[in-house]
Amino acid sequence: MKQFGWFSETKQPPYLAQFVVCSHGQDFQDKHPAAALVMFLNMYTDDILDSEDSEGDAIHVRDDLMKFLSDAGFPAQKWCSNRAKVLEDIPEKDRATGVKLEESELLSVKTFGVQWNARGDVFTFSIKEINLSFYTKRGLLSRIATLFDPL
């Protein structure tokens, strides 16, 4: 059994996994400074959203994160980037579904209720048509909240 494999087997709440990863970050921030910083500042529940100034920086942070999380028993998965070079060394099984580097296909992934288009590096929103015979204030406010809630 992996060091923290019991999380998935006993269906522990996500905050507990985040607590363990952050605790691991505090214990090993000297050994993995880039990963620890990203974990403390850019981890939300079980997602990490990070932006780096250069491909080199992104690759360095990626490698540090992979080692850091693997040591804690949390292999990083569903990798996506707007730079194909950052994803080249990621095994295909660990990339986000639909990423095909051979075809230069970078996809849109959903995160926090919004779509991130990796190719254009933009966030997009999907708005469903409202099919109501009449509009109520409550119904309209509910629809608006679904669009702007993640922001």
C-alpha atoms as a PDB file:
ATOM      1  CA  MET A   1       0.000   0.000   0.000  1.00  0.00           C
ATOM      2  CA  LYS A   2       1.235   3.479  -0.775  1.00  0.00           C
ATOM      3  CA  GLN A   3       2.063   5.820   2.055  1.00  0.00           C
ATOM      4  CA  PHE A   4      -1.258   7.686   1.807  1.00  0.00           C
ATOM      5  CA  GLY A   5      -3.175   5.223  -0.389  1.00  0.00           C
ATOM      6  CA  TRP A   6      -5.944   4.973   2.190  1.00  0.00           C
ATOM      7  CA  PHE A   7      -7.413   8.293   1.020  1.00  0.00           C
ATOM      8  CA  SER A   8      -8.907   6.769  -2.100  1.00  0.00           C
ATOM      9  CA  GLU A   9      -9.839   3.480  -0.445  1.00  0.00           C
ATOM     10  CA  THR A  10     -11.828   4.929   2.453  1.00  0.00           C
ATOM     11  CA  LYS A  11     -13.217   7.998   0.652  1.00  0.00           C
ATOM     12  CA  GLN A  12     -11.793  10.570   3.014  1.00  0.00           C
ATOM     13  CA  PRO A  13     -12.937  14.180   2.513  1.00  0.00           C
ATOM     14  CA  PRO A  14     -10.841  16.254   0.067  1.00  0.00           C
ATOM     15  CA  TYR A  15      -9.816  18.762   2.741  1.00  0.00           C
ATOM     16  CA  LEU A  16      -7.989  15.966   4.560  1.00  0.00           C
ATOM     17  CA  ALA A  17      -5.891  15.164   1.487  1.00  0.00           C
ATOM     18  CA  GLN A  18      -5.121  18.864   1.084  1.00  0.00           C
ATOM     19  CA  PHE A  19      -4.102  19.066   4.744  1.00  0.00           C
ATOM     20  CA  VAL A  20      -1.715  16.123   4.327  1.00  0.00           C
ATOM     21  CA  VAL A  21      -0.156  17.614   1.175  1.00  0.00           C
ATOM     22  CA  CYS A  22       0.285  21.014   2.855  1.00  0.00           C
ATOM     23  CA  SER A  23       1.775  19.356   5.933  1.00  0.00           C
ATOM     24  CA  HIS A  24       4.159  17.469   3.636  1.00  0.00           C
ATOM     25  CA  GLY A  25       4.992  20.831   2.025  1.00  0.00           C
ATOM     26  CA  GLN A  26       5.949  22.322   5.368  1.00  0.00           C
ATOM     27  CA  ASP A  27       8.116  19.325   6.197  1.00  0.00           C
ATOM     28  CA  PHE A  28       9.919  19.292   2.838  1.00  0.00           C
ATOM     29  CA  GLN A  29       9.944  22.921   1.706  1.00  0.00           C
ATOM     30  CA  ASP A  30      13.751  23.035   1.956  1.00  0.00           C
ATOM     31  CA  LYS A  31      14.088  19.995  -0.333  1.00  0.00           C
ATOM     32  CA  HIS A  32      11.351  21.090  -2.818  1.00  0.00           C
ATOM     33  CA  PRO A  33      11.085  24.892  -2.546  1.00  0.00           C
ATOM     34  CA  ALA A  34       9.376  25.484  -5.922  1.00  0.00           C
ATOM     35  CA  ALA A  35       6.777  22.769  -5.321  1.00  0.00           C
ATOM     36  CA  ALA A  36       6.069  23.895  -1.758  1.00  0.00           C
ATOM     37  CA  LEU A  37       5.497  27.487  -2.872  1.00  0.00           C
ATOM     38  CA  VAL A  38       3.108  26.400  -5.609  1.00  0.00           C
ATOM     39  CA  MET A  39       1.274  24.103  -3.192  1.00  0.00           C
ATOM     40  CA  PHE A  40       0.817  26.836  -0.605  1.00  0.00           C
ATOM     41  CA  LEU A  41      -0.277  29.529  -3.048  1.00  0.00           C
ATOM     42  CA  ASN A  42      -1.942  27.752  -5.971  1.00  0.00           C
ATOM     43  CA  MET A  43      -3.588  24.563  -4.718  1.00  0.00           C
ATOM     44  CA  TYR A  44      -7.367  24.541  -4.481  1.00  0.00           C
ATOM     45  CA  THR A  45      -8.875  21.338  -3.053  1.00  0.00           C
ATOM     46  CA  ASP A  46      -7.263  18.803  -5.419  1.00  0.00           C
ATOM     47  CA  ASP A  47      -6.321  21.104  -8.315  1.00  0.00           C
ATOM     48  CA  ILE A  48      -3.166  23.118  -8.862  1.00  0.00           C
ATOM     49  CA  LEU A  49      -3.319  26.128 -11.178  1.00  0.00           C
ATOM     50  CA  ASP A  50       0.032  27.772 -11.677  1.00  0.00           C
ATOM     51  CA  SER A  51       1.540  30.192 -14.160  1.00  0.00           C
ATOM     52  CA  GLU A  52       5.233  30.649 -14.807  1.00  0.00           C
ATOM     53  CA  ASP A  53       7.134  33.309 -16.776  1.00  0.00           C
ATOM     54  CA  SER A  54       9.056  30.903 -19.020  1.00  0.00           C
ATOM     55  CA  GLU A  55       8.990  27.328 -20.288  1.00  0.00           C
ATOM     56  CA  GLY A  56      12.164  26.628 -18.308  1.00  0.00           C
ATOM     57  CA  ASP A  57      10.546  27.812 -15.082  1.00  0.00           C
ATOM     58  CA  ALA A  58       7.408  25.782 -15.839  1.00  0.00           C
ATOM     59  CA  ILE A  59       9.446  22.627 -16.475  1.00  0.00           C
ATOM     60  CA  HIS A  60      11.425  23.157 -13.259  1.00  0.00           C
ATOM     61  CA  VAL A  61       8.228  23.604 -11.216  1.00  0.00           C
ATOM     62  CA  ARG A  62       6.608  20.622 -12.980  1.00  0.00           C
ATOM     63  CA  ASP A  63       9.552  18.344 -12.132  1.00  0.00           C
ATOM     64  CA  ASP A  64       9.684  19.549  -8.528  1.00  0.00           C
ATOM     65  CA  LEU A  65       5.914  19.084  -8.132  1.00  0.00           C
ATOM     66  CA  MET A  66       5.998  15.586  -9.617  1.00  0.00           C
ATOM     67  CA  LYS A  67       8.779  14.492  -7.245  1.00  0.00           C
ATOM     68  CA  PHE A  68       7.222  16.244  -4.246  1.00  0.00           C
ATOM     69  CA  LEU A  69       3.744  14.761  -4.775  1.00  0.00           C
ATOM     70  CA  SER A  70       5.062  11.317  -5.662  1.00  0.00           C
ATOM     71  CA  ASP A  71       7.096  11.220  -2.434  1.00  0.00           C
ATOM     72  CA  ALA A  72       3.891  12.014  -0.507  1.00  0.00           C
ATOM     73  CA  GLY A  73       1.965   9.214  -2.268  1.00  0.00           C
ATOM     74  CA  PHE A  74      -0.035  11.567  -4.489  1.00  0.00           C
ATOM     75  CA  PRO A  75       1.017  11.062  -8.121  1.00  0.00           C
ATOM     76  CA  ALA A  76       0.117  14.148 -10.165  1.00  0.00           C
ATOM     77  CA  GLN A  77      -2.375  13.538 -12.965  1.00  0.00           C
ATOM     78  CA  LYS A  78      -4.450  15.422 -15.545  1.00  0.00           C
ATOM     79  CA  TRP A  79      -1.568  17.684 -16.580  1.00  0.00           C
ATOM     80  CA  CYS A  80      -2.364  20.399 -19.094  1.00  0.00           C
ATOM     81  CA  SER A  81      -0.329  23.345 -20.319  1.00  0.00           C
ATOM     82  CA  ASN A  82      -0.489  25.894 -23.094  1.00  0.00           C
ATOM     83  CA  ARG A  83       3.109  24.913 -23.953  1.00  0.00           C
ATOM     84  CA  ALA A  84       3.610  21.501 -25.566  1.00  0.00           C
ATOM     85  CA  LYS A  85       7.243  21.386 -24.375  1.00  0.00           C
ATOM     86  CA  VAL A  86       6.071  21.371 -20.745  1.00  0.00           C
ATOM     87  CA  LEU A  87       3.934  18.286 -21.440  1.00  0.00           C
ATOM     88  CA  GLU A  88       6.499  16.322 -23.499  1.00  0.00           C
ATOM     89  CA  ASP A  89       7.980  14.405 -20.540  1.00  0.00           C
ATOM     90  CA  ILE A  90       4.600  13.723 -18.913  1.00  0.00           C
ATOM     91  CA  PRO A  91       3.399  10.150 -19.553  1.00  0.00           C
ATOM     92  CA  GLU A  92       0.273  10.140 -21.724  1.00  0.00           C
ATOM     93  CA  LYS A  93      -1.757   8.443 -18.977  1.00  0.00           C
ATOM     94  CA  ASP A  94      -1.003  11.396 -16.654  1.00  0.00           C
ATOM     95  CA  ARG A  95      -2.044  14.107 -19.140  1.00  0.00           C
ATOM     96  CA  ALA A  96      -5.504  15.630 -19.245  1.00  0.00           C
ATOM     97  CA  THR A  97      -7.900  13.677 -21.443  1.00  0.00           C
ATOM     98  CA  GLY A  98      -7.614  14.734 -25.072  1.00  0.00           C
ATOM     99  CA  VAL A  99      -4.102  16.222 -25.059  1.00  0.00           C
ATOM    100  CA  LYS A 100      -2.342  14.951 -28.217  1.00  0.00           C
ATOM    101  CA  LEU A 101       1.132  16.421 -28.642  1.00  0.00           C
ATOM    102  CA  GLU A 102       1.761  14.536 -31.888  1.00  0.00           C
ATOM    103  CA  GLU A 103      -1.170  16.389 -33.453  1.00  0.00           C
ATOM    104  CA  SER A 104      -0.393  19.660 -31.632  1.00  0.00           C
ATOM    105  CA  GLU A 105      -3.813  19.447 -30.056  1.00  0.00           C
ATOM    106  CA  LEU A 106      -4.128  21.339 -26.802  1.00  0.00           C
ATOM    107  CA  LEU A 107      -7.591  21.182 -25.411  1.00  0.00           C
ATOM    108  CA  SER A 108      -9.952  23.044 -23.195  1.00  0.00           C
ATOM    109  CA  VAL A 109     -10.211  21.748 -19.658  1.00  0.00           C
ATOM    110  CA  LYS A 110     -12.835  22.595 -17.095  1.00  0.00           C
ATOM    111  CA  THR A 111     -11.572  23.965 -13.832  1.00  0.00           C
ATOM    112  CA  PHE A 112     -13.623  25.662 -11.129  1.00  0.00           C
ATOM    113  CA  GLY A 113     -16.662  25.841 -13.371  1.00  0.00           C
ATOM    114  CA  VAL A 114     -14.980  27.657 -16.257  1.00  0.00           C
ATOM    115  CA  GLN A 115     -13.305  26.327 -19.392  1.00  0.00           C
ATOM    116  CA  TRP A 116      -9.614  27.066 -19.902  1.00  0.00           C
ATOM    117  CA  ASN A 117      -8.613  26.973 -23.551  1.00  0.00           C
ATOM    118  CA  ALA A 118      -4.950  25.930 -23.445  1.00  0.00           C
ATOM    119  CA  ARG A 119      -4.163  26.896 -27.053  1.00  0.00           C
ATOM    120  CA  GLY A 120      -5.408  30.467 -26.680  1.00  0.00           C
ATOM    121  CA  ASP A 121      -4.643  30.672 -22.935  1.00  0.00           C
ATOM    122  CA  VAL A 122      -8.070  32.166 -22.246  1.00  0.00           C
ATOM    123  CA  PHE A 123     -10.962  31.360 -19.963  1.00  0.00           C
ATOM    124  CA  THR A 124     -14.346  30.834 -21.575  1.00  0.00           C
ATOM    125  CA  PHE A 125     -17.810  30.431 -20.153  1.00  0.00           C
ATOM    126  CA  SER A 126     -20.571  28.126 -21.336  1.00  0.00           C
ATOM    127  CA  ILE A 127     -23.984  29.650 -20.958  1.00  0.00           C
ATOM    128  CA  LYS A 128     -26.991  27.401 -21.271  1.00  0.00           C
ATOM    129  CA  GLU A 129     -30.156  28.829 -22.716  1.00  0.00           C
ATOM    130  CA  ILE A 130     -32.806  29.617 -20.134  1.00  0.00           C
ATOM    131  CA  ASN A 131     -36.014  27.819 -21.082  1.00  0.00           C
ATOM    132  CA  LEU A 132     -38.504  29.381 -18.733  1.00  0.00           C
ATOM    133  CA  SER A 133     -41.943  30.613 -19.644  1.00  0.00           C
ATOM    134  CA  PHE A 134     -41.389  33.495 -17.212  1.00  0.00           C
ATOM    135  CA  TYR A 135     -38.421  34.881 -15.320  1.00  0.00           C
ATOM    136  CA  THR A 136     -38.301  35.351 -11.596  1.00  0.00           C
ATOM    137  CA  LYS A 137     -35.786  37.434  -9.734  1.00  0.00           C
ATOM    138  CA  ARG A 138     -34.650  34.346  -7.843  1.00  0.00           C
ATOM    139  CA  GLY A 139     -34.252  32.280 -11.014  1.00  0.00           C
ATOM    140  CA  LEU A 140     -32.297  35.013 -12.783  1.00  0.00           C
ATOM    141  CA  LEU A 141     -29.972  35.583  -9.822  1.00  0.00           C
ATOM    142  CA  SER A 142     -29.395  31.831  -9.586  1.00  0.00           C
ATOM    143  CA  ARG A 143     -28.301  31.701 -13.245  1.00  0.00           C
ATOM    144  CA  ILE A 144     -25.998  34.706 -12.824  1.00  0.00           C
ATOM    145  CA  ALA A 145     -24.394  33.101  -9.754  1.00  0.00           C
ATOM    146  CA  THR A 146     -23.516  29.950 -11.713  1.00  0.00           C
ATOM    147  CA  LEU A 147     -21.593  32.035 -14.253  1.00  0.00           C
ATOM    148  CA  PHE A 148     -19.666  34.317 -11.903  1.00  0.00           C
ATOM    149  CA  ASP A 149     -19.323  32.071  -8.818  1.00  0.00           C
ATOM    150  CA  PRO A 150     -15.803  30.763  -9.636  1.00  0.00           C
ATOM    151  CA  LEU A 151     -14.453  34.271 -10.001  1.00  0.00           C
END
